Amino acid sequence: MHLLIAKVNETLYEAEAYSVRAPGAAGEMTILSEHMPLVTPLKPGVIYVRKEKDAIEQEFIVTAGILEVHKSGVTVLL
């Protein structure tokens, strides 16, 4: 799935990802390809991105933001 993590004037990550683990408003969630569409605010925490199934996770610190899962991938606005 395509993943974009961005701030107002900066793209922090834009590439294909195997999974995204994020601190959603209702708790931590893991998003894989073909996940149902959703929009959720993010709580302070860490977003973990895995490029491949067995790859080491890349971490992004989050203080607030919005996560949207859509047909073409995942967008995170911080």
N, C-alpha and C. Protein backbone atom coordinates (compact mmCIF):
# COMPACT_ATOMS: atom_id res chain seq x y z
N MET A 1 0.84 -1.17 0.00
CA MET A 1 0.00 0.00 0.00
C MET A 1 0.89 1.24 0.00
N HIS A 2 0.38 2.31 -0.54
CA HIS A 2 1.13 3.56 -0.58
C HIS A 2 0.92 4.29 0.74
N LEU A 3 1.99 4.81 1.33
CA LEU A 3 1.91 5.53 2.60
C LEU A 3 2.54 6.91 2.44
N LEU A 4 1.81 7.92 2.91
CA LEU A 4 2.32 9.29 2.94
C LEU A 4 2.18 9.79 4.38
N ILE A 5 3.31 10.22 4.96
CA ILE A 5 3.31 10.87 6.27
C ILE A 5 3.87 12.26 6.02
N ALA A 6 3.08 13.29 6.35
CA ALA A 6 3.50 14.65 6.00
C ALA A 6 3.09 15.65 7.07
N LYS A 7 3.89 16.73 7.14
CA LYS A 7 3.56 17.93 7.90
C LYS A 7 3.16 18.98 6.88
N VAL A 8 2.78 20.15 7.32
CA VAL A 8 2.31 21.19 6.42
C VAL A 8 3.30 21.47 5.29
N ASN A 9 4.55 21.65 5.60
CA ASN A 9 5.56 22.01 4.58
C ASN A 9 6.61 20.94 4.37
N GLU A 10 6.35 19.71 4.80
CA GLU A 10 7.40 18.69 4.76
C GLU A 10 6.80 17.29 4.60
N THR A 11 7.37 16.52 3.68
CA THR A 11 7.01 15.11 3.55
C THR A 11 8.02 14.31 4.35
N LEU A 12 7.55 13.56 5.35
CA LEU A 12 8.44 12.77 6.19
C LEU A 12 8.68 11.38 5.61
N TYR A 13 7.67 10.84 4.92
CA TYR A 13 7.77 9.49 4.36
C TYR A 13 6.77 9.38 3.22
N GLU A 14 7.22 8.87 2.10
CA GLU A 14 6.30 8.57 1.00
C GLU A 14 6.88 7.41 0.22
N ALA A 15 6.26 6.25 0.37
CA ALA A 15 6.73 5.03 -0.30
C ALA A 15 5.71 3.93 -0.05
N GLU A 16 5.97 2.78 -0.61
CA GLU A 16 5.15 1.60 -0.36
C GLU A 16 5.48 1.06 1.03
N ALA A 17 4.46 0.54 1.72
CA ALA A 17 4.66 -0.02 3.05
C ALA A 17 3.87 -1.32 3.17
N TYR A 18 4.40 -2.24 3.94
CA TYR A 18 3.71 -3.50 4.22
C TYR A 18 2.66 -3.29 5.31
N SER A 19 3.05 -2.55 6.38
CA SER A 19 2.12 -2.30 7.48
C SER A 19 2.42 -0.96 8.14
N VAL A 20 1.39 -0.43 8.79
CA VAL A 20 1.50 0.80 9.55
C VAL A 20 0.81 0.55 10.89
N ARG A 21 1.52 0.83 11.98
CA ARG A 21 0.95 0.70 13.32
C ARG A 21 0.91 2.11 13.91
N ALA A 22 -0.27 2.55 14.37
CA ALA A 22 -0.42 3.93 14.79
C ALA A 22 -1.30 4.04 16.04
N PRO A 23 -1.08 5.11 16.84
CA PRO A 23 -1.88 5.33 18.05
C PRO A 23 -3.19 6.07 17.73
N GLY A 24 -4.19 5.34 17.30
CA GLY A 24 -5.48 5.94 16.95
C GLY A 24 -6.25 6.38 18.18
N ALA A 25 -7.31 7.13 17.97
CA ALA A 25 -8.12 7.65 19.07
C ALA A 25 -8.71 6.54 19.94
N ALA A 26 -9.04 5.40 19.35
CA ALA A 26 -9.64 4.28 20.09
C ALA A 26 -8.60 3.26 20.54
N GLY A 27 -7.32 3.55 20.33
CA GLY A 27 -6.26 2.63 20.71
C GLY A 27 -5.32 2.37 19.54
N GLU A 28 -4.28 1.58 19.81
CA GLU A 28 -3.30 1.29 18.76
C GLU A 28 -3.94 0.42 17.68
N MET A 29 -3.63 0.74 16.43
CA MET A 29 -4.18 -0.01 15.30
C MET A 29 -3.07 -0.38 14.33
N THR A 30 -3.24 -1.51 13.68
CA THR A 30 -2.34 -1.93 12.62
C THR A 30 -3.10 -1.94 11.31
N ILE A 31 -2.52 -1.32 10.30
CA ILE A 31 -3.17 -1.23 9.00
C ILE A 31 -2.33 -2.01 7.99
N LEU A 32 -2.99 -2.90 7.29
CA LEU A 32 -2.38 -3.68 6.22
C LEU A 32 -3.08 -3.33 4.91
N SER A 33 -2.54 -3.79 3.81
CA SER A 33 -3.15 -3.57 2.51
C SER A 33 -4.60 -4.07 2.52
N GLU A 34 -5.49 -3.37 1.81
CA GLU A 34 -6.90 -3.72 1.70
C GLU A 34 -7.69 -3.46 2.99
N HIS A 35 -7.15 -2.65 3.90
CA HIS A 35 -7.87 -2.29 5.13
C HIS A 35 -9.10 -1.48 4.76
N MET A 36 -10.16 -1.60 5.54
CA MET A 36 -11.36 -0.82 5.27
C MET A 36 -11.07 0.66 5.44
N PRO A 37 -11.74 1.52 4.67
CA PRO A 37 -11.53 2.96 4.78
C PRO A 37 -11.89 3.47 6.17
N LEU A 38 -11.11 4.42 6.67
CA LEU A 38 -11.41 5.05 7.95
C LEU A 38 -10.64 6.35 8.08
N VAL A 39 -11.12 7.20 8.98
CA VAL A 39 -10.42 8.42 9.35
C VAL A 39 -10.43 8.47 10.86
N THR A 40 -9.27 8.74 11.48
CA THR A 40 -9.19 8.82 12.93
C THR A 40 -8.16 9.85 13.35
N PRO A 41 -8.43 10.57 14.44
CA PRO A 41 -7.38 11.42 15.00
C PRO A 41 -6.32 10.53 15.65
N LEU A 42 -5.12 11.04 15.75
CA LEU A 42 -4.03 10.30 16.38
C LEU A 42 -3.73 10.87 17.76
N LYS A 43 -3.45 9.98 18.70
CA LYS A 43 -3.01 10.38 20.03
C LYS A 43 -1.49 10.48 20.02
N PRO A 44 -0.90 11.13 21.01
CA PRO A 44 0.57 11.16 21.10
C PRO A 44 1.11 9.73 21.20
N GLY A 45 2.20 9.47 20.49
CA GLY A 45 2.81 8.15 20.49
C GLY A 45 3.77 8.00 19.33
N VAL A 46 3.85 6.78 18.80
CA VAL A 46 4.79 6.47 17.73
C VAL A 46 4.05 5.76 16.60
N ILE A 47 4.34 6.16 15.37
CA ILE A 47 3.87 5.43 14.19
C ILE A 47 5.01 4.52 13.77
N TYR A 48 4.71 3.24 13.60
CA TYR A 48 5.70 2.25 13.16
C TYR A 48 5.37 1.84 11.73
N VAL A 49 6.36 1.95 10.85
CA VAL A 49 6.18 1.60 9.44
C VAL A 49 7.09 0.43 9.11
N ARG A 50 6.52 -0.59 8.50
CA ARG A 50 7.29 -1.76 8.06
C ARG A 50 7.20 -1.80 6.53
N LYS A 51 8.35 -1.70 5.85
CA LYS A 51 8.37 -1.68 4.38
C LYS A 51 8.08 -3.05 3.80
N GLU A 52 8.55 -4.10 4.47
CA GLU A 52 8.32 -5.48 4.03
C GLU A 52 7.92 -6.30 5.24
N LYS A 53 7.38 -7.48 5.01
CA LYS A 53 6.83 -8.30 6.09
C LYS A 53 7.81 -8.50 7.25
N ASP A 54 9.05 -8.84 6.98
CA ASP A 54 10.01 -9.13 8.03
C ASP A 54 11.04 -8.02 8.23
N ALA A 55 10.77 -6.83 7.71
CA ALA A 55 11.72 -5.71 7.81
C ALA A 55 11.66 -5.07 9.20
N ILE A 56 12.72 -4.37 9.54
CA ILE A 56 12.76 -3.59 10.78
C ILE A 56 11.83 -2.39 10.62
N GLU A 57 11.12 -2.06 11.68
CA GLU A 57 10.18 -0.95 11.63
C GLU A 57 10.89 0.40 11.70
N GLN A 58 10.39 1.34 10.94
CA GLN A 58 10.85 2.72 11.00
C GLN A 58 9.88 3.47 11.90
N GLU A 59 10.38 4.36 12.76
CA GLU A 59 9.54 5.03 13.75
C GLU A 59 9.39 6.52 13.46
N PHE A 60 8.18 7.03 13.69
CA PHE A 60 7.87 8.45 13.57
C PHE A 60 7.13 8.88 14.84
N ILE A 61 7.68 9.84 15.57
CA ILE A 61 7.05 10.35 16.79
C ILE A 61 5.85 11.23 16.40
N VAL A 62 4.74 11.03 17.10
CA VAL A 62 3.51 11.77 16.81
C VAL A 62 3.04 12.47 18.09
N THR A 63 2.70 13.75 17.98
CA THR A 63 2.07 14.44 19.11
C THR A 63 0.58 14.63 18.84
N ALA A 64 0.22 14.74 17.58
CA ALA A 64 -1.19 14.87 17.16
C ALA A 64 -1.23 14.69 15.65
N GLY A 65 -2.39 14.42 15.12
CA GLY A 65 -2.53 14.29 13.67
C GLY A 65 -3.80 13.57 13.29
N ILE A 66 -3.93 13.33 12.00
CA ILE A 66 -5.08 12.63 11.43
C ILE A 66 -4.54 11.51 10.54
N LEU A 67 -5.15 10.34 10.65
CA LEU A 67 -4.79 9.21 9.80
C LEU A 67 -6.01 8.86 8.96
N GLU A 68 -5.80 8.73 7.65
CA GLU A 68 -6.88 8.34 6.73
C GLU A 68 -6.45 7.12 5.95
N VAL A 69 -7.29 6.09 5.97
CA VAL A 69 -7.09 4.91 5.14
C VAL A 69 -8.07 5.03 3.99
N HIS A 70 -7.56 4.98 2.77
CA HIS A 70 -8.41 5.09 1.59
C HIS A 70 -8.02 4.01 0.59
N LYS A 71 -8.74 3.93 -0.50
CA LYS A 71 -8.54 2.86 -1.48
C LYS A 71 -7.11 2.77 -1.99
N SER A 72 -6.44 3.91 -2.15
CA SER A 72 -5.09 3.88 -2.72
C SER A 72 -3.99 3.83 -1.66
N GLY A 73 -4.34 3.80 -0.37
CA GLY A 73 -3.30 3.69 0.66
C GLY A 73 -3.66 4.40 1.94
N VAL A 74 -2.62 4.95 2.60
CA VAL A 74 -2.77 5.59 3.89
C VAL A 74 -2.11 6.96 3.85
N THR A 75 -2.82 7.96 4.40
CA THR A 75 -2.27 9.31 4.50
C THR A 75 -2.30 9.71 5.96
N VAL A 76 -1.16 10.21 6.45
CA VAL A 76 -1.06 10.71 7.83
C VAL A 76 -0.65 12.17 7.74
N LEU A 77 -1.46 13.05 8.31
CA LEU A 77 -1.15 14.47 8.36
C LEU A 77 -0.84 14.84 9.79
N LEU A 78 0.35 15.37 10.01
CA LEU A 78 0.78 15.74 11.37
C LEU A 78 0.78 17.24 11.54
